[in-house]
Amino acid sequence: MASITFLKNQSWINLQHGLLQFGILSYILLFPLGQALREICSVISITAVFFYYLGDYKNSNFRRFPYKYLFLFFYCILIFKTFHSVNVPKSLRALDHVSYDSLLLFFPALEFVKHKKDINGLVIAVTALLFYIGGDALYQCIFGHDLFFQMPKFGFMLTATRDDPLLGNLVAIFLPITFSFFYLAPDSWSKLKKTIIYILLTFPAYFFLFFSFRRTGFIAFAFALTMYFLLKRKLLSGLLVLSASFLFFFIGPTRFLFSQIARSLQWEIWKTALVLSKENILFGSGLNTFKAMQIIFKKPVYYAGEYFESTHNLFLGLLVDTGLLGLAVFLLFLFLCLKSIHRSSSALKEYSASASGIVFFFNLSLFAFFIAAIGALDLYSPYMMAPPFIILGTALGSCLALGRHYRINQQACEDNRCKNS
């Protein structure tokens, strides 16, 4: 009984909330610098949110989150497909990858925001991350290797701290969040000054996005930018971005040309994934079993004659591994979350225009994630999946926490009016 009382002590609850915030911020700032740092940050944040729920579940964002059972149902499907698998040991390792260092980071991210200043802090962390990662890519471009790990360029593509250019896709997902800078900059600054400072802070990231030559990242960011203009009812600007992006695939670098894309091995990987998914279309073959299924049914990737570990498509990977059931639950969860964030960000305008704008940009980031997931992301890579789930959790938590503040303030104003009358 004494231990339960201790867990519900407000100082202890505040400590756990501070720790989960520290874990998430540290993860965002440090995840490109090594697996050990990522895992330490994950353990800190997930452990802290566990004790936070023990102490103050009734006031948590998770308690008010309307789609929590859908998320838990999806996670139960993953557990089921770990043991109902054509390769149980492989699936057990996959479940480990999608748990504490990936999907479960959704929970501390969901609780990250209690006040508007909290989401401001995450925007600053994302901007700092992109600045130093982009700066590292600039260093790599000039000296031939990156500053932190002496990684050489991947052919003609920049990689920053990695041995491949996939970090460019995550830069594309994070970049829409940096638009929030215009809400965080002091009101005394002129629009020109804000623009200049924004360019100085984000130019390295844009440089890296382009010279990592990630086609998926480029399309994802262009899609997010187009969505921004369309949602803001700036149809002409949206069409200009869309047209310029489309034109780029005719006159851009060789890697981006449609003729090159048409010959990409990725199409053959996807065809193989679709063929193998039919073997167990409803429930799938088990977590991370794409390669195992190729070997079992003697269906290497068409024309390549090789067995590939990943489908290079988050949704096709889920279809192969968890069947239509797992894919449908995951897509429904994403759709409902995106819809909820968009609706809530509009409603928050009456409470705080800047908070509403920041949440809107988080939603744009999630649109970019959705596109990147089609051509680049892998559910079993914590490096690739943890950042989007942190963004998703933070956006939803912001809507729940700030919306609650708005309702409380609105009720207080109505009570005061009643007393005065």
Protein backbone atom coordinates (compact mmCIF):
# COMPACT_ATOMS: atom_id res chain seq x y z
CA MET A 1 0.00 0.00 0.00
CA ALA A 2 2.87 2.34 0.84
CA SER A 3 4.47 1.63 -2.54
CA ILE A 4 1.22 2.52 -4.34
CA THR A 5 1.00 5.76 -2.39
CA PHE A 6 4.60 6.55 -3.32
CA LEU A 7 3.88 6.00 -7.02
CA LYS A 8 0.98 8.44 -6.82
CA ASN A 9 3.07 11.16 -5.18
CA GLN A 10 2.96 14.26 -7.39
CA SER A 11 6.71 14.81 -7.17
CA TRP A 12 7.31 11.24 -8.37
CA ILE A 13 4.80 11.70 -11.21
CA ASN A 14 6.48 14.95 -12.27
CA LEU A 15 9.87 13.23 -12.18
CA GLN A 16 8.64 10.44 -14.48
CA HIS A 17 7.13 12.95 -16.88
CA GLY A 18 10.40 14.86 -16.94
CA LEU A 19 12.30 11.64 -17.62
CA LEU A 20 10.03 10.60 -20.49
CA GLN A 21 10.46 14.06 -22.00
CA PHE A 22 14.22 13.80 -21.57
CA GLY A 23 14.21 10.37 -23.24
CA ILE A 24 12.20 11.55 -26.26
CA LEU A 25 14.20 14.75 -26.75
CA SER A 26 17.47 12.82 -26.40
CA TYR A 27 16.27 10.23 -28.89
CA ILE A 28 15.41 12.88 -31.47
CA LEU A 29 18.74 14.63 -31.01
CA LEU A 30 20.97 11.55 -30.86
CA PHE A 31 19.39 8.68 -32.82
CA PRO A 32 21.66 9.08 -35.90
CA LEU A 33 24.76 8.75 -33.69
CA GLY A 34 24.55 5.05 -32.86
CA GLN A 35 22.43 2.13 -31.69
CA ALA A 36 23.60 2.33 -28.05
CA LEU A 37 22.45 5.94 -27.69
CA ARG A 38 19.10 5.12 -29.33
CA GLU A 39 18.46 2.18 -27.04
CA ILE A 40 19.43 4.08 -23.86
CA CYS A 41 17.03 6.89 -24.77
CA SER A 42 14.28 4.36 -25.59
CA VAL A 43 14.64 2.51 -22.29
CA ILE A 44 14.60 5.77 -20.30
CA SER A 45 11.44 7.09 -21.98
CA ILE A 46 9.48 3.80 -21.98
CA THR A 47 10.38 2.99 -18.37
CA ALA A 48 9.40 6.50 -17.31
CA VAL A 49 6.04 6.38 -19.09
CA PHE A 50 5.29 3.01 -17.44
CA PHE A 51 5.74 4.50 -13.96
CA TYR A 52 3.92 7.64 -15.07
CA TYR A 53 0.85 5.57 -15.95
CA LEU A 54 1.05 3.73 -12.63
CA GLY A 55 0.97 7.05 -10.83
CA ASP A 56 -1.37 9.20 -12.87
CA TYR A 57 -3.17 7.20 -15.53
CA LYS A 58 -6.47 9.03 -14.99
CA ASN A 59 -4.94 12.33 -16.15
CA SER A 60 -2.89 10.83 -18.98
CA ASN A 61 -3.36 11.52 -22.67
CA PHE A 62 -3.48 7.76 -23.24
CA ARG A 63 -6.65 7.50 -21.17
CA ARG A 64 -8.31 10.13 -23.38
CA PHE A 65 -6.89 8.72 -26.62
CA PRO A 66 -9.92 7.34 -28.53
CA TYR A 67 -7.99 4.85 -30.69
CA LYS A 68 -5.83 3.20 -28.02
CA TYR A 69 -7.59 -0.14 -28.36
CA LEU A 70 -6.95 -0.13 -32.10
CA PHE A 71 -3.23 0.39 -31.47
CA LEU A 72 -3.21 -2.38 -28.85
CA PHE A 73 -5.11 -4.67 -31.22
CA PHE A 74 -2.46 -4.09 -33.89
CA TYR A 75 0.28 -4.86 -31.39
CA CYS A 76 -1.54 -8.08 -30.41
CA ILE A 77 -1.58 -9.05 -34.10
CA LEU A 78 2.20 -8.55 -34.18
CA ILE A 79 2.60 -10.81 -31.13
CA PHE A 80 0.31 -13.44 -32.69
CA LYS A 81 2.31 -13.34 -35.94
CA THR A 82 5.52 -13.76 -33.98
CA PHE A 83 4.53 -17.28 -32.97
CA HIS A 84 2.22 -18.06 -35.90
CA SER A 85 5.15 -17.75 -38.30
CA VAL A 86 7.08 -19.76 -40.86
CA ASN A 87 10.26 -18.69 -39.04
CA VAL A 88 9.60 -18.15 -35.32
CA PRO A 89 13.21 -17.23 -34.30
CA LYS A 90 13.31 -14.57 -37.04
CA SER A 91 9.93 -13.26 -35.98
CA LEU A 92 10.97 -13.11 -32.32
CA ARG A 93 13.91 -10.89 -33.25
CA ALA A 94 11.58 -8.76 -35.37
CA LEU A 95 9.15 -8.28 -32.48
CA ASP A 96 12.06 -7.09 -30.36
CA HIS A 97 12.94 -4.52 -33.03
CA VAL A 98 9.41 -3.14 -33.30
CA SER A 99 8.89 -2.97 -29.54
CA TYR A 100 11.02 -1.00 -27.11
CA ASP A 101 13.04 0.79 -29.80
CA SER A 102 10.20 1.60 -32.18
CA LEU A 103 6.43 1.26 -31.76
CA LEU A 104 6.39 1.56 -27.97
CA LEU A 105 7.97 5.01 -28.21
CA PHE A 106 4.50 6.07 -29.26
CA PHE A 107 3.44 6.04 -25.58
CA PRO A 108 6.03 8.44 -24.10
CA ALA A 109 5.55 10.65 -27.17
CA LEU A 110 1.79 10.66 -26.50
CA GLU A 111 2.45 12.00 -22.99
CA PHE A 112 5.24 14.38 -24.01
CA VAL A 113 3.05 17.49 -24.28
CA LYS A 114 1.34 18.93 -21.23
CA HIS A 115 1.71 22.59 -22.13
CA LYS A 116 2.35 24.48 -25.34
CA LYS A 117 6.02 25.02 -24.44
CA ASP A 118 6.55 21.26 -24.58
CA ILE A 119 5.76 20.97 -28.28
CA ASN A 120 7.90 24.06 -28.89
CA GLY A 121 10.80 22.17 -27.32
CA LEU A 122 10.36 19.24 -29.69
CA VAL A 123 10.31 21.59 -32.70
CA ILE A 124 13.60 23.08 -31.51
CA ALA A 125 15.08 19.58 -31.07
CA VAL A 126 14.02 18.54 -34.60
CA THR A 127 15.49 21.74 -36.06
CA ALA A 128 18.76 21.17 -34.16
CA LEU A 129 18.87 17.56 -35.39
CA LEU A 130 18.43 18.58 -39.02
CA PHE A 131 20.99 21.36 -38.69
CA TYR A 132 23.79 19.12 -37.46
CA ILE A 133 22.90 16.16 -39.68
CA GLY A 134 22.74 18.47 -42.70
CA GLY A 135 25.99 20.10 -41.58
CA ASP A 136 27.60 16.67 -41.36
CA ALA A 137 26.43 15.94 -44.92
CA LEU A 138 28.01 19.23 -46.06
CA TYR A 139 31.23 18.19 -44.35
CA GLN A 140 31.05 14.82 -46.10
CA CYS A 141 30.51 16.53 -49.45
CA ILE A 142 33.63 18.68 -48.97
CA PHE A 143 36.01 16.20 -47.35
CA GLY A 144 34.68 12.91 -48.72
CA HIS A 145 33.70 11.46 -45.33
CA ASP A 146 31.45 12.51 -42.48
CA LEU A 147 32.73 14.15 -39.30
CA PHE A 148 31.38 11.72 -36.68
CA PHE A 149 32.21 8.25 -38.03
CA GLN A 150 34.39 8.96 -41.08
CA MET A 151 31.70 7.42 -43.31
CA PRO A 152 32.50 7.84 -47.01
CA LYS A 153 29.92 8.86 -49.56
CA PHE A 154 27.76 6.07 -50.99
CA GLY A 155 28.92 6.43 -54.58
CA PHE A 156 27.76 9.93 -55.48
CA MET A 157 25.14 10.04 -52.68
CA LEU A 158 25.64 11.68 -49.28
CA THR A 159 24.90 9.56 -46.22
CA ALA A 160 25.93 11.72 -43.22
CA THR A 161 26.42 9.38 -40.22
CA ARG A 162 25.26 6.19 -41.99
CA ASP A 163 26.82 3.83 -44.52
CA ASP A 164 23.81 4.31 -46.83
CA PRO A 165 21.76 7.37 -47.84
CA LEU A 166 18.49 6.28 -46.20
CA LEU A 167 18.73 9.05 -43.60
CA GLY A 168 17.69 11.37 -46.44
CA ASN A 169 14.18 9.88 -46.25
CA LEU A 170 13.90 10.73 -42.56
CA VAL A 171 15.09 14.28 -43.28
CA ALA A 172 12.17 14.57 -45.72
CA ILE A 173 9.77 13.47 -42.97
CA PHE A 174 11.17 15.87 -40.39
CA LEU A 175 11.45 18.97 -42.61
CA PRO A 176 7.75 20.00 -42.53
CA ILE A 177 8.03 20.35 -38.74
CA THR A 178 10.67 23.06 -39.21
CA PHE A 179 8.03 25.32 -40.79
CA SER A 180 6.87 25.82 -37.19
CA PHE A 181 9.90 28.11 -36.76
CA PHE A 182 7.76 31.01 -38.01
CA TYR A 183 5.45 30.52 -35.02
CA LEU A 184 8.31 30.27 -32.54
CA ALA A 185 10.33 33.25 -33.75
CA PRO A 186 9.81 36.48 -31.76
CA ASP A 187 6.95 38.65 -32.98
CA SER A 188 9.32 41.62 -33.08
CA TRP A 189 11.24 40.04 -35.96
CA SER A 190 10.25 41.08 -39.45
CA LYS A 191 9.07 38.46 -41.94
CA LEU A 192 12.30 38.94 -43.90
CA LYS A 193 14.44 38.34 -40.79
CA LYS A 194 12.47 35.22 -39.92
CA THR A 195 12.92 33.90 -43.46
CA ILE A 196 16.67 34.54 -43.46
CA ILE A 197 17.15 32.84 -40.09
CA TYR A 198 14.99 29.90 -41.22
CA ILE A 199 17.08 29.46 -44.38
CA LEU A 200 20.33 29.56 -42.38
CA LEU A 201 19.03 26.93 -39.95
CA THR A 202 17.55 24.55 -42.50
CA PHE A 203 19.72 24.98 -45.61
CA PRO A 204 22.03 22.08 -44.57
CA ALA A 205 19.01 19.77 -44.26
CA TYR A 206 17.63 20.75 -47.66
CA PHE A 207 21.11 20.28 -49.11
CA PHE A 208 21.27 16.78 -47.63
CA LEU A 209 17.76 15.93 -48.84
CA PHE A 210 18.73 16.75 -52.41
CA PHE A 211 22.22 15.25 -52.47
CA SER A 212 21.24 12.05 -50.70
CA PHE A 213 19.34 11.50 -53.97
CA ARG A 214 16.52 9.70 -52.20
CA ARG A 215 13.69 9.61 -54.73
CA THR A 216 11.20 8.53 -52.08
CA GLY A 217 12.28 11.32 -49.75
CA PHE A 218 12.00 13.89 -52.52
CA ILE A 219 8.49 12.73 -53.46
CA ALA A 220 7.44 12.60 -49.79
CA PHE A 221 8.55 16.16 -49.10
CA ALA A 222 7.06 17.46 -52.37
CA PHE A 223 3.77 15.76 -51.47
CA ALA A 224 3.78 17.35 -47.99
CA LEU A 225 4.49 20.78 -49.47
CA THR A 226 1.70 20.35 -52.02
CA MET A 227 -0.70 19.28 -49.27
CA TYR A 228 0.26 22.39 -47.29
CA PHE A 229 -0.79 24.71 -50.09
CA LEU A 230 -3.94 22.76 -50.91
CA LEU A 231 -5.08 22.64 -47.27
CA LYS A 232 -4.40 26.37 -47.00
CA ARG A 233 -6.55 26.80 -50.13
CA LYS A 234 -3.64 28.14 -52.17
CA LEU A 235 -4.47 26.06 -55.22
CA LEU A 236 -2.11 27.85 -57.63
CA SER A 237 0.92 27.43 -55.33
CA GLY A 238 0.05 23.77 -54.81
CA LEU A 239 -0.18 23.17 -58.55
CA LEU A 240 3.14 24.95 -59.11
CA VAL A 241 4.90 22.71 -56.56
CA LEU A 242 3.28 19.63 -58.06
CA SER A 243 4.21 20.65 -61.60
CA ALA A 244 7.80 21.52 -60.65
CA SER A 245 8.17 18.19 -58.86
CA PHE A 246 6.76 16.31 -61.83
CA LEU A 247 9.03 18.20 -64.24
CA PHE A 248 12.04 17.31 -62.10
CA PHE A 249 11.59 13.66 -63.09
CA PHE A 250 12.14 14.65 -66.74
CA ILE A 251 15.03 17.12 -66.45
CA GLY A 252 16.56 16.31 -63.05
CA PRO A 253 19.57 14.12 -62.15
CA THR A 254 19.78 10.77 -63.95
CA ARG A 255 18.68 8.83 -60.87
CA PHE A 256 15.38 10.76 -60.80
CA LEU A 257 14.45 10.30 -64.45
CA PHE A 258 11.34 8.24 -65.19
CA SER A 259 13.39 6.01 -67.49
CA GLN A 260 15.59 5.05 -64.50
CA ILE A 261 12.67 4.64 -62.13
CA ALA A 262 10.95 2.29 -64.59
CA ARG A 263 14.02 0.02 -64.49
CA SER A 264 14.26 0.05 -60.69
CA LEU A 265 14.56 -3.35 -59.02
CA GLN A 266 12.01 -2.14 -56.48
CA TRP A 267 9.16 -2.93 -58.87
CA GLU A 268 10.31 -6.55 -59.04
CA ILE A 269 10.59 -6.78 -55.25
CA TRP A 270 7.00 -5.51 -54.94
CA LYS A 271 5.76 -8.02 -57.53
CA THR A 272 7.38 -10.83 -55.56
CA ALA A 273 5.82 -9.52 -52.34
CA LEU A 274 2.35 -9.52 -53.92
CA VAL A 275 2.81 -13.08 -55.19
CA LEU A 276 3.97 -14.33 -51.79
CA SER A 277 1.21 -12.52 -49.91
CA LYS A 278 -1.34 -14.74 -51.67
CA GLU A 279 0.04 -17.78 -49.84
CA ASN A 280 -1.65 -16.57 -46.64
CA ILE A 281 -3.59 -13.50 -47.65
CA LEU A 282 -5.70 -13.16 -44.50
CA PHE A 283 -3.17 -13.63 -41.67
CA GLY A 284 0.23 -13.47 -43.35
CA SER A 285 3.31 -15.61 -42.89
CA GLY A 286 4.84 -14.09 -39.73
CA LEU A 287 6.95 -11.09 -38.80
CA ASN A 288 9.89 -10.36 -41.08
CA THR A 289 9.44 -13.50 -43.16
CA PHE A 290 9.68 -12.02 -46.67
CA LYS A 291 13.05 -13.68 -47.30
CA ALA A 292 11.97 -16.93 -45.67
CA MET A 293 8.88 -17.06 -47.91
CA GLN A 294 11.01 -16.53 -51.02
CA ILE A 295 13.17 -19.49 -50.00
CA ILE A 296 10.27 -21.76 -49.01
CA PHE A 297 8.34 -21.19 -52.24
CA LYS A 298 11.49 -20.82 -54.39
CA LYS A 299 10.45 -17.40 -55.61
CA PRO A 300 13.47 -15.09 -55.59
CA VAL A 301 12.88 -11.54 -56.77
CA TYR A 302 11.88 -11.56 -60.43
CA TYR A 303 14.73 -11.07 -62.88
CA ALA A 304 17.25 -10.57 -60.07
CA GLY A 305 17.33 -14.19 -58.92
CA GLU A 306 18.22 -13.04 -55.39
CA TYR A 307 16.51 -13.28 -52.00
CA PHE A 308 15.83 -9.89 -50.42
CA GLU A 309 15.33 -9.22 -46.70
CA SER A 310 12.82 -6.39 -47.10
CA THR A 311 9.97 -5.45 -49.41
CA HIS A 312 11.11 -1.79 -49.31
CA ASN A 313 7.48 -0.91 -48.74
CA LEU A 314 6.00 -0.74 -45.23
CA PHE A 315 2.49 -1.64 -46.39
CA LEU A 316 3.48 -4.54 -48.64
CA GLY A 317 5.71 -5.81 -45.84
CA LEU A 318 2.73 -5.81 -43.49
CA LEU A 319 0.62 -7.56 -46.11
CA VAL A 320 3.17 -10.38 -46.45
CA ASP A 321 3.81 -10.68 -42.71
CA THR A 322 0.41 -9.99 -41.11
CA GLY A 323 -1.99 -10.41 -44.03
CA LEU A 324 -4.98 -8.26 -44.84
CA LEU A 325 -5.98 -8.23 -41.17
CA GLY A 326 -2.80 -6.59 -39.91
CA LEU A 327 -2.55 -4.20 -42.85
CA ALA A 328 -6.20 -3.11 -42.53
CA VAL A 329 -5.89 -2.44 -38.79
CA PHE A 330 -2.66 -0.46 -39.27
CA LEU A 331 -4.10 1.63 -42.12
CA LEU A 332 -7.31 2.29 -40.18
CA PHE A 333 -5.28 3.41 -37.17
CA LEU A 334 -3.17 5.78 -39.29
CA PHE A 335 -6.19 7.18 -41.11
CA LEU A 336 -8.14 7.87 -37.91
CA CYS A 337 -5.10 9.47 -36.27
CA LEU A 338 -4.39 11.76 -39.23
CA LYS A 339 -8.05 12.73 -39.41
CA SER A 340 -8.15 13.42 -35.66
CA ILE A 341 -5.00 15.57 -35.76
CA HIS A 342 -6.27 17.62 -38.70
CA ARG A 343 -9.65 18.17 -37.07
CA SER A 344 -8.13 19.04 -33.69
CA SER A 345 -5.54 21.44 -35.13
CA SER A 346 -8.37 23.43 -36.70
CA ALA A 347 -10.31 23.49 -33.41
CA LEU A 348 -7.22 24.66 -31.47
CA LYS A 349 -7.13 27.97 -33.34
CA GLU A 350 -9.43 29.52 -30.76
CA TYR A 351 -7.08 28.46 -27.97
CA SER A 352 -3.74 29.25 -29.64
CA ALA A 353 -3.07 30.03 -33.29
CA SER A 354 0.59 29.04 -32.93
CA ALA A 355 -0.24 25.71 -31.25
CA SER A 356 -2.75 24.99 -34.00
CA GLY A 357 -0.16 25.83 -36.66
CA ILE A 358 2.52 23.65 -35.10
CA VAL A 359 0.18 20.66 -34.84
CA PHE A 360 -0.78 21.24 -38.48
CA PHE A 361 2.88 20.98 -39.51
CA PHE A 362 3.26 17.77 -37.50
CA ASN A 363 0.36 16.42 -39.53
CA LEU A 364 2.15 17.41 -42.74
CA SER A 365 5.16 15.49 -41.50
CA LEU A 366 2.94 12.44 -41.08
CA PHE A 367 1.66 12.84 -44.64
CA ALA A 368 5.32 12.74 -45.75
CA PHE A 369 5.81 9.60 -43.63
CA PHE A 370 2.85 7.93 -45.36
CA ILE A 371 4.45 8.52 -48.78
CA ALA A 372 7.93 7.53 -47.61
CA ALA A 373 6.46 4.31 -46.21
CA ILE A 374 5.43 3.29 -49.72
CA GLY A 375 8.96 3.27 -51.08
CA ALA A 376 11.51 3.24 -48.29
CA LEU A 377 10.52 2.38 -44.72
CA ASP A 378 10.80 -1.00 -43.06
CA LEU A 379 8.75 -1.89 -39.97
CA TYR A 380 11.67 -3.84 -38.49
CA SER A 381 14.20 -1.02 -38.65
CA PRO A 382 13.98 0.99 -35.40
CA TYR A 383 16.16 3.63 -37.02
CA MET A 384 13.50 4.23 -39.66
CA MET A 385 10.27 3.64 -37.71
CA ALA A 386 10.84 5.22 -34.29
CA PRO A 387 10.93 8.88 -35.50
CA PRO A 388 7.54 8.67 -37.30
CA PHE A 389 5.89 7.08 -34.26
CA ILE A 390 7.37 9.78 -32.03
CA ILE A 391 5.94 12.42 -34.36
CA LEU A 392 2.56 10.67 -34.43
CA GLY A 393 2.39 10.31 -30.65
CA THR A 394 3.45 13.91 -30.05
CA ALA A 395 0.90 15.30 -32.51
CA LEU A 396 -1.94 13.29 -30.96
CA GLY A 397 -0.82 14.09 -27.42
CA SER A 398 -0.69 17.79 -28.29
CA CYS A 399 -4.26 17.70 -29.55
CA LEU A 400 -5.46 15.90 -26.41
CA ALA A 401 -3.53 18.03 -23.89
CA LEU A 402 -3.95 21.44 -25.50
CA GLY A 403 -7.58 20.71 -26.40
CA ARG A 404 -8.20 19.95 -22.73
CA HIS A 405 -6.62 23.27 -21.72
CA TYR A 406 -8.81 25.04 -24.24
CA ARG A 407 -11.98 23.41 -22.88
CA ILE A 408 -11.01 24.19 -19.27
CA ASN A 409 -10.31 27.83 -20.13
CA GLN A 410 -13.55 28.08 -22.10
CA GLN A 411 -15.52 26.65 -19.18
CA ALA A 412 -13.80 29.08 -16.76
CA CYS A 413 -14.74 32.02 -18.99
CA GLU A 414 -18.37 30.86 -19.15
CA ASP A 415 -18.47 30.45 -15.34
CA ASN A 416 -17.10 33.98 -14.87
CA ARG A 417 -19.70 35.38 -17.25
CA CYS A 418 -22.44 33.62 -15.29
CA LYS A 419 -21.14 35.06 -12.00
CA ASN A 420 -20.89 38.57 -13.44
CA SER A 421 -24.43 38.39 -14.80
